[in-house]
């Protein structure tokens, strides 16, 4: 009999991760997620949080959360389908759908869980999924859970997407198979947007269902600075079949939602395993999420123009980061998109890590994204904008980026 050590691989693989420079070093946040934070005992300017609208410590959201706890307790006691479907969950879904100008919504525990739960029931064995090559890992995992045929198209390449649709058309001349085209709305590494208007036209022509993950567009994109997301940005309500939303980024809370038709909502409430088999959100989370929607609703007495402030900060920082010398094509392209993600390209992994370390020494919390998460030579500091940052804080950060960029000979 061979004597095995069943857990030795944990030690070996972790050492390998460390040796290859792939370890995520967890910093300790000792304050709320706000523009000025304390991390590992050091006061820093926060530039790497997805809390785009600065809502995670907002007094109205906290008030809403506390009220929900007092009225409904700290837990639901079950999954939604059995005994955990509280009135506050249905109120959240209703107000979310109204905000998105769609018929209905289904709330999941997180955006990741929503992708894992919603994608598999939409396709059968031998149907087709066509996915952008740079889609988020949660989309990739959701697709892997299906038994369907999988095709990839080059990032935002509409010519190649059409070729994939033509391939499916040829393979299914009788139109018996379902086609699901999946894309991120805003891509989290480069900060660019999917051409959703063009995708919608192609999908309509070929009879394909569209699924857009708008995690990084929620609360940022949209007409008239209302933050309703990429579907609203292109005026496609009712034409995009499945919209994935999250509350863990701009909304400042936690949770995912699938938004679309009433038929879609009722179908997923009966087929999505991660919905059916997960306990429902604590009342405090639902209350805070409703509070976020109230802050974004111009008709609410709690409305604040936080989206406009965020977009002002995004435009200013993106323009100036390019002007001071970080004009790599990826950074320059991101500067032209109305998104909250700013990829400041540094080059090789070691340069990006040094940049992050030096920024922390100078009072800036901004982490590196390195190969293999991004292609070789495009390691970066991924800056995330925040509505709560002042112009003085942005100027201070820009000055640090310029000085350290010159010091490290990035430009």
Protein backbone atom coordinates (compact mmCIF):
# COMPACT_ATOMS: atom_id res chain seq x y z
CA UNK A 1 0.00 0.00 0.00
CA UNK A 2 1.30 3.47 -0.91
CA UNK A 3 1.55 5.86 1.99
CA UNK A 4 0.09 9.21 0.94
CA UNK A 5 0.05 12.63 2.52
CA UNK A 6 -3.40 13.85 1.45
CA UNK A 7 -2.77 17.53 2.23
CA UNK A 8 0.89 18.03 1.23
CA UNK A 9 -0.26 19.62 -2.03
CA UNK A 10 -1.65 22.57 -0.04
CA UNK A 11 1.85 23.47 1.16
CA UNK A 12 3.51 22.77 -2.18
CA UNK A 13 1.02 24.68 -4.30
CA UNK A 14 0.99 27.68 -1.97
CA UNK A 15 4.79 27.86 -2.10
CA UNK A 16 4.58 27.72 -5.89
CA UNK A 17 2.09 30.60 -5.92
CA UNK A 18 4.45 32.64 -3.74
CA UNK A 19 7.52 31.79 -5.84
CA UNK A 20 5.74 32.86 -9.04
CA UNK A 21 4.62 36.15 -7.55
CA UNK A 22 0.92 35.27 -7.79
CA UNK A 23 0.01 35.55 -4.12
CA UNK A 24 -2.75 37.91 -3.08
CA UNK A 25 -1.49 39.60 0.08
CA UNK A 26 -4.55 40.49 2.13
CA UNK A 27 -4.34 43.97 3.62
CA UNK A 28 -6.35 44.75 6.73
CA UNK A 29 -8.89 47.56 6.34
CA UNK A 30 -9.43 49.10 9.79
CA UNK A 31 -12.01 51.75 8.86
CA UNK A 32 -15.14 51.89 6.72
CA UNK A 33 -14.51 51.87 2.97
CA UNK A 34 -14.28 55.63 2.43
CA UNK A 35 -11.86 57.88 0.50
CA UNK A 36 -9.44 58.15 3.44
CA UNK A 37 -8.88 54.82 5.17
CA UNK A 38 -6.54 53.11 7.60
CA UNK A 39 -4.93 49.98 6.14
CA UNK A 40 -2.51 47.91 8.23
CA UNK A 41 -2.25 50.82 10.64
CA UNK A 42 -1.39 53.40 7.95
CA UNK A 43 -3.59 56.28 6.80
CA UNK A 44 -4.07 56.05 3.03
CA UNK A 45 -6.11 57.47 0.17
CA UNK A 46 -8.32 54.65 -1.16
CA UNK A 47 -7.98 54.17 -4.92
CA UNK A 48 -8.74 50.45 -5.29
CA UNK A 49 -12.27 50.02 -3.96
CA UNK A 50 -15.31 49.20 -6.11
CA UNK A 51 -17.35 51.46 -3.82
CA UNK A 52 -17.71 53.86 -6.75
CA UNK A 53 -20.53 56.01 -5.39
CA UNK A 54 -19.12 56.14 -1.84
CA UNK A 55 -22.33 54.59 -0.49
CA UNK A 56 -20.95 51.81 1.73
CA UNK A 57 -20.81 54.13 4.75
CA UNK A 58 -23.65 56.42 3.71
CA UNK A 59 -25.90 57.49 6.63
CA UNK A 60 -29.15 56.76 4.79
CA UNK A 61 -28.06 53.22 3.92
CA UNK A 62 -26.97 52.60 7.50
CA UNK A 63 -30.29 53.96 8.79
CA UNK A 64 -32.20 51.70 6.42
CA UNK A 65 -30.13 48.69 7.51
CA UNK A 66 -30.67 49.37 11.21
CA UNK A 67 -34.40 49.88 10.75
CA UNK A 68 -34.63 46.53 8.97
CA UNK A 69 -32.78 44.78 11.81
CA UNK A 70 -35.09 46.31 14.43
CA UNK A 71 -38.21 45.34 12.51
CA UNK A 72 -37.22 41.99 10.99
CA UNK A 73 -34.20 40.62 12.85
CA UNK A 74 -30.78 39.60 11.57
CA UNK A 75 -31.66 36.64 9.35
CA UNK A 76 -34.45 35.18 7.24
CA UNK A 77 -34.18 31.60 8.48
CA UNK A 78 -34.43 29.87 5.12
CA UNK A 79 -34.08 29.97 1.36
CA UNK A 80 -36.53 32.19 -0.53
CA UNK A 81 -38.47 29.26 -2.00
CA UNK A 82 -39.30 27.76 1.40
CA UNK A 83 -39.65 30.16 4.34
CA UNK A 84 -37.09 32.90 3.69
CA UNK A 85 -39.03 35.04 1.23
CA UNK A 86 -39.52 38.20 3.29
CA UNK A 87 -41.55 41.20 2.19
CA UNK A 88 -38.38 43.31 2.18
CA UNK A 89 -36.82 41.00 -0.43
CA UNK A 90 -39.79 41.49 -2.74
CA UNK A 91 -39.68 45.24 -2.14
CA UNK A 92 -35.99 45.23 -3.12
CA UNK A 93 -36.71 43.35 -6.35
CA UNK A 94 -39.61 45.64 -7.23
CA UNK A 95 -37.65 48.83 -6.65
CA UNK A 96 -34.63 47.43 -8.49
CA UNK A 97 -36.76 46.60 -11.55
CA UNK A 98 -38.32 50.08 -11.45
CA UNK A 99 -34.86 51.66 -11.26
CA UNK A 100 -33.73 49.62 -14.27
CA UNK A 101 -36.98 50.35 -16.17
CA UNK A 102 -37.51 46.62 -16.64
CA UNK A 103 -40.40 44.29 -15.81
CA UNK A 104 -38.89 42.21 -13.03
CA UNK A 105 -35.78 41.14 -11.13
CA UNK A 106 -34.52 38.19 -9.10
CA UNK A 107 -32.09 38.89 -6.26
CA UNK A 108 -29.24 36.43 -5.65
CA UNK A 109 -26.67 36.39 -2.83
CA UNK A 110 -24.00 37.96 -5.08
CA UNK A 111 -23.26 38.73 -8.71
CA UNK A 112 -20.94 35.72 -8.93
CA UNK A 113 -23.65 33.44 -7.56
CA UNK A 114 -26.17 34.97 -9.96
CA UNK A 115 -23.98 34.13 -12.97
CA UNK A 116 -23.43 30.58 -11.73
CA UNK A 117 -27.15 30.13 -11.14
CA UNK A 118 -28.70 31.93 -14.11
CA UNK A 119 -26.55 30.79 -17.04
CA UNK A 120 -27.06 26.99 -16.87
CA UNK A 121 -30.91 26.98 -17.00
CA UNK A 122 -30.90 29.19 -20.11
CA UNK A 123 -29.32 26.54 -22.35
CA UNK A 124 -29.72 22.80 -22.89
CA UNK A 125 -27.27 20.15 -23.99
CA UNK A 126 -26.14 20.86 -27.57
CA UNK A 127 -27.41 24.46 -27.57
CA UNK A 128 -24.83 27.22 -28.10
CA UNK A 129 -23.14 29.82 -25.91
CA UNK A 130 -21.03 32.50 -27.60
CA UNK A 131 -18.85 34.43 -25.14
CA UNK A 132 -16.40 37.36 -25.28
CA UNK A 133 -12.85 36.12 -24.64
CA UNK A 134 -12.31 38.62 -21.79
CA UNK A 135 -15.50 37.89 -19.86
CA UNK A 136 -15.30 37.77 -16.06
CA UNK A 137 -14.41 34.54 -14.25
CA UNK A 138 -17.93 34.22 -12.84
CA UNK A 139 -19.30 34.10 -16.40
CA UNK A 140 -16.67 31.53 -17.33
CA UNK A 141 -17.62 29.39 -14.33
CA UNK A 142 -21.32 29.71 -15.11
CA UNK A 143 -20.67 28.61 -18.70
CA UNK A 144 -18.57 25.66 -17.50
CA UNK A 145 -21.54 24.39 -15.52
CA UNK A 146 -23.52 23.93 -18.74
CA UNK A 147 -23.37 20.96 -21.12
CA UNK A 148 -23.84 23.12 -24.17
CA UNK A 149 -21.52 23.92 -27.08
CA UNK A 150 -19.19 26.83 -26.33
CA UNK A 151 -17.75 29.34 -28.79
CA UNK A 152 -15.49 32.33 -28.09
CA UNK A 153 -15.17 35.57 -30.04
CA UNK A 154 -12.29 38.03 -29.90
CA UNK A 155 -12.75 40.85 -27.43
CA UNK A 156 -15.48 43.22 -28.63
CA UNK A 157 -14.89 42.08 -32.23
CA UNK A 158 -18.29 42.32 -33.88
CA UNK A 159 -17.03 40.80 -37.13
CA UNK A 160 -15.94 37.68 -35.27
CA UNK A 161 -19.16 37.57 -33.26
CA UNK A 162 -21.12 37.55 -36.50
CA UNK A 163 -18.91 34.72 -37.84
CA UNK A 164 -19.69 32.68 -34.73
CA UNK A 165 -23.42 33.35 -35.20
CA UNK A 166 -23.13 32.28 -38.84
CA UNK A 167 -21.37 29.06 -37.77
CA UNK A 168 -24.25 28.28 -35.43
CA UNK A 169 -26.78 29.13 -38.12
CA UNK A 170 -25.10 26.69 -40.50
CA UNK A 171 -24.91 23.97 -37.83
CA UNK A 172 -28.59 24.45 -36.93
CA UNK A 173 -30.42 25.14 -40.22
CA UNK A 174 -33.84 24.44 -38.67
CA UNK A 175 -33.36 26.92 -35.82
CA UNK A 176 -34.02 24.33 -33.13
CA UNK A 177 -31.10 25.25 -30.90
CA UNK A 178 -30.94 28.13 -28.43
CA UNK A 179 -28.15 30.67 -28.81
CA UNK A 180 -26.95 32.62 -25.78
CA UNK A 181 -24.51 35.49 -26.39
CA UNK A 182 -22.78 36.59 -23.19
CA UNK A 183 -20.67 39.70 -22.58
CA UNK A 184 -19.50 41.88 -19.76
CA UNK A 185 -20.89 45.40 -19.99
CA UNK A 186 -17.74 47.01 -18.60
CA UNK A 187 -14.60 44.88 -18.63
CA UNK A 188 -12.95 44.98 -15.23
CA UNK A 189 -9.28 44.90 -16.27
CA UNK A 190 -9.23 47.44 -19.12
CA UNK A 191 -12.22 49.57 -18.14
CA UNK A 192 -13.67 49.47 -21.67
CA UNK A 193 -17.29 48.96 -22.67
CA UNK A 194 -18.97 46.31 -24.80
CA UNK A 195 -20.62 47.69 -27.98
CA UNK A 196 -23.96 46.50 -26.68
CA UNK A 197 -25.95 48.30 -29.36
CA UNK A 198 -24.13 46.37 -32.09
CA UNK A 199 -24.39 43.11 -30.17
CA UNK A 200 -28.15 43.63 -29.83
CA UNK A 201 -28.58 44.15 -33.58
CA UNK A 202 -26.64 40.99 -34.42
CA UNK A 203 -28.51 38.94 -31.84
CA UNK A 204 -31.87 40.17 -33.10
CA UNK A 205 -30.89 39.22 -36.65
CA UNK A 206 -29.85 35.68 -35.69
CA UNK A 207 -32.46 35.03 -33.00
CA UNK A 208 -29.98 34.89 -30.13
CA UNK A 209 -30.59 35.70 -26.47
CA UNK A 210 -28.36 38.45 -25.01
CA UNK A 211 -26.88 38.20 -21.52
CA UNK A 212 -24.92 41.22 -20.26
CA UNK A 213 -23.04 41.30 -16.94
CA UNK A 214 -23.21 44.96 -15.94
CA UNK A 215 -21.45 44.69 -12.57
CA UNK A 216 -19.09 47.58 -13.30
CA UNK A 217 -21.68 49.65 -15.20
CA UNK A 218 -24.32 49.71 -12.46
CA UNK A 219 -24.42 53.12 -10.80
CA UNK A 220 -21.93 54.50 -13.35
CA UNK A 221 -23.27 54.35 -16.91
CA UNK A 222 -26.64 55.48 -18.17
CA UNK A 223 -28.46 58.44 -19.64
CA UNK A 224 -28.56 61.80 -17.84
CA UNK A 225 -26.06 60.64 -15.18
CA UNK A 226 -28.67 58.47 -13.47
CA UNK A 227 -26.45 55.39 -13.13
CA UNK A 228 -28.95 52.91 -14.55
CA UNK A 229 -26.24 51.01 -16.40
CA UNK A 230 -25.17 50.01 -19.88
CA UNK A 231 -28.61 48.89 -21.07
CA UNK A 232 -29.94 52.38 -20.34
CA UNK A 233 -26.77 53.94 -21.80
CA UNK A 234 -27.75 52.48 -25.18
CA UNK A 235 -31.53 52.77 -24.62
CA UNK A 236 -32.04 49.02 -24.92
CA UNK A 237 -34.58 48.31 -22.17
CA UNK A 238 -36.75 45.42 -23.33
CA UNK A 239 -34.25 44.45 -26.05
CA UNK A 240 -31.55 42.93 -23.85
CA UNK A 241 -32.98 39.70 -22.52
CA UNK A 242 -30.84 39.13 -19.42
CA UNK A 243 -29.04 41.80 -17.37
CA UNK A 244 -26.81 40.83 -14.45
CA UNK A 245 -26.44 43.49 -11.77
CA UNK A 246 -24.52 43.72 -8.53
CA UNK A 247 -24.89 45.63 -5.28
CA UNK A 248 -21.33 45.02 -4.06
CA UNK A 249 -19.75 47.75 -6.18
CA UNK A 250 -21.36 51.14 -6.86
CA UNK A 251 -24.34 50.37 -4.63
CA UNK A 252 -22.06 49.87 -1.63
CA UNK A 253 -23.77 46.76 -0.21
CA UNK A 254 -23.75 43.10 -1.38
CA UNK A 255 -25.97 41.03 -3.64
CA UNK A 256 -26.65 40.22 -7.26
CA UNK A 257 -29.72 40.54 -9.43
CA UNK A 258 -30.92 39.21 -12.74
CA UNK A 259 -33.12 41.78 -14.44
CA UNK A 260 -35.43 41.39 -17.43
CA UNK A 261 -38.92 40.12 -18.20
CA UNK A 262 -41.41 38.66 -15.74
CA UNK A 263 -41.11 35.38 -17.63
CA UNK A 264 -37.35 35.35 -17.05
CA UNK A 265 -37.76 36.11 -13.34
CA UNK A 266 -40.32 33.38 -12.72
CA UNK A 267 -38.35 30.84 -14.75
CA UNK A 268 -35.14 31.46 -12.79
CA UNK A 269 -36.95 31.39 -9.45
CA UNK A 270 -37.84 27.82 -10.31
CA UNK A 271 -34.63 26.64 -12.01
CA UNK A 272 -31.55 28.54 -10.77
CA UNK A 273 -29.85 26.25 -8.23
CA UNK A 274 -27.81 29.00 -6.56
CA UNK A 275 -31.08 30.86 -5.89
CA UNK A 276 -33.08 27.85 -4.79
CA UNK A 277 -30.35 26.43 -2.52
CA UNK A 278 -28.94 29.60 -0.91
CA UNK A 279 -30.30 31.29 2.19
CA UNK A 280 -31.78 34.70 1.50
CA UNK A 281 -30.15 38.00 2.44
CA UNK A 282 -30.37 39.30 6.00
CA UNK A 283 -32.98 42.07 6.27
CA UNK A 284 -30.21 44.60 6.94
CA UNK A 285 -28.68 43.98 3.50
CA UNK A 286 -32.03 44.30 1.74
CA UNK A 287 -32.78 47.48 3.67
CA UNK A 288 -29.43 49.04 2.78
CA UNK A 289 -29.86 48.06 -0.88
CA UNK A 290 -33.25 49.78 -0.99
CA UNK A 291 -31.59 52.79 0.63
CA UNK A 292 -29.03 52.88 -2.19
CA UNK A 293 -31.81 52.93 -4.78
CA UNK A 294 -33.44 55.81 -2.90
CA UNK A 295 -30.23 57.84 -2.99
CA UNK A 296 -30.11 57.33 -6.78
CA UNK A 297 -33.80 58.13 -7.37
CA UNK A 298 -34.27 61.80 -8.39
CA UNK A 299 -37.87 61.62 -7.15
CA UNK A 300 -36.82 60.53 -3.66
CA UNK A 301 -36.24 62.98 -0.82
CA UNK A 302 -33.00 61.09 -0.19
CA UNK A 303 -31.64 61.72 -3.69
CA UNK A 304 -28.05 62.91 -4.03
CA UNK A 305 -26.19 63.61 -7.33
CA UNK A 306 -23.50 61.04 -6.52
CA UNK A 307 -23.35 59.66 -10.07
CA UNK A 308 -22.60 63.11 -11.49
CA UNK A 309 -19.84 63.60 -8.91
CA UNK A 310 -18.35 60.20 -9.77
CA UNK A 311 -18.36 60.94 -13.49
CA UNK A 312 -16.72 64.34 -12.91
CA UNK A 313 -13.94 62.64 -10.93
CA UNK A 314 -13.55 59.93 -13.59
CA UNK A 315 -13.24 62.44 -16.42
CA UNK A 316 -10.73 64.60 -14.56
CA UNK A 317 -8.47 61.78 -13.34
CA UNK A 318 -8.46 59.92 -16.67
CA UNK A 319 -7.52 63.04 -18.60
CA UNK A 320 -4.74 64.02 -16.22
CA UNK A 321 -3.22 60.53 -15.82
CA UNK A 322 -2.67 60.44 -19.59
CA UNK A 323 -1.36 64.01 -19.65
CA UNK A 324 1.35 63.29 -17.07
CA UNK A 325 2.77 60.45 -19.15
CA UNK A 326 0.81 57.24 -18.57
CA UNK A 327 -0.33 57.17 -22.19
CA UNK A 328 -0.15 53.46 -22.97
CA UNK A 329 -2.81 52.54 -25.52
CA UNK A 330 -4.88 50.67 -22.90
CA UNK A 331 -4.83 53.63 -20.49
CA UNK A 332 -5.58 56.07 -23.32
CA UNK A 333 -8.50 53.93 -24.54
CA UNK A 334 -9.95 53.66 -21.04
CA UNK A 335 -9.70 57.45 -20.69
CA UNK A 336 -12.27 57.78 -23.48
CA UNK A 337 -14.85 55.54 -21.75
CA UNK A 338 -17.30 56.88 -19.13
CA UNK A 339 -16.39 54.09 -16.70
CA UNK A 340 -14.89 54.18 -13.19
CA UNK A 341 -11.92 51.88 -13.93
CA UNK A 342 -8.54 53.43 -14.82
CA UNK A 343 -5.85 50.90 -15.84
CA UNK A 344 -2.53 52.70 -15.28
CA UNK A 345 -0.16 50.53 -17.33
CA UNK A 346 3.30 50.04 -15.83
CA UNK A 347 4.74 47.24 -18.01
CA UNK A 348 6.25 44.19 -16.35
CA UNK A 349 5.05 42.61 -13.11
CA UNK A 350 7.93 43.81 -10.95
CA UNK A 351 7.45 47.42 -12.06
CA UNK A 352 3.74 47.37 -11.20
CA UNK A 353 4.49 45.87 -7.79
CA UNK A 354 7.17 48.48 -7.09
CA UNK A 355 4.74 51.17 -8.19
CA UNK A 356 2.11 49.92 -5.75
CA UNK A 357 4.62 49.65 -2.89
CA UNK A 358 5.93 53.16 -3.49
CA UNK A 359 2.40 54.55 -3.72
CA UNK A 360 1.58 53.00 -0.36
CA UNK A 361 4.71 54.58 1.12
CA UNK A 362 3.44 57.90 -0.21
CA UNK A 363 -0.08 57.47 1.21
CA UNK A 364 -1.95 55.90 -1.73
CA UNK A 365 -3.72 52.51 -1.55
CA UNK A 366 -3.73 51.17 -5.12
CA UNK A 367 -2.92 47.54 -5.90
CA UNK A 368 -1.13 45.94 -8.88
CA UNK A 369 -2.79 43.62 -11.39
CA UNK A 370 -0.13 41.43 -12.98
CA UNK A 371 0.39 38.50 -15.37
CA UNK A 372 -1.28 35.97 -15.61
CA UNK A 373 -4.36 38.06 -14.76
CA UNK A 374 -3.45 40.41 -17.61
CA UNK A 375 -1.19 39.84 -20.67
CA UNK A 376 2.59 40.06 -20.23
CA UNK A 377 3.88 43.60 -20.50
CA UNK A 378 0.57 45.14 -19.41
CA UNK A 379 0.88 44.83 -15.62
CA UNK A 380 -0.90 47.78 -14.10
CA UNK A 381 -2.19 49.73 -11.18
CA UNK A 382 -5.96 49.45 -11.51
CA UNK A 383 -7.35 52.69 -10.12
CA UNK A 384 -11.02 52.71 -9.14
CA UNK A 385 -12.67 56.11 -8.96
CA UNK A 386 -14.92 57.24 -6.11
CA UNK A 387 -17.57 59.94 -5.91
CA UNK A 388 -16.32 60.97 -2.46
CA UNK A 389 -12.83 61.99 -3.59
CA UNK A 390 -12.15 65.73 -3.65
CA UNK A 391 -10.22 67.50 -6.42
CA UNK A 392 -7.45 68.15 -3.90
CA UNK A 393 -7.19 64.44 -3.17
CA UNK A 394 -7.15 63.60 -6.88
CA UNK A 395 -4.42 66.15 -7.51
CA UNK A 396 -2.35 64.74 -4.65
CA UNK A 397 -2.71 61.24 -6.10
CA UNK A 398 -1.84 62.40 -9.60
CA UNK A 399 1.28 64.09 -8.28
CA UNK A 400 2.40 60.86 -6.59
CA UNK A 401 1.74 58.85 -9.74
CA UNK A 402 3.80 61.29 -11.81
CA UNK A 403 6.77 61.39 -9.42
CA UNK A 404 6.91 57.63 -8.91
CA UNK A 405 6.32 56.95 -12.60
CA UNK A 406 9.39 59.03 -13.44
CA UNK A 407 11.36 57.41 -10.61
CA UNK A 408 10.61 53.94 -12.03
CA UNK A 409 11.27 55.15 -15.61
CA UNK A 410 7.79 54.15 -16.81
CA UNK A 411 7.83 57.24 -19.03
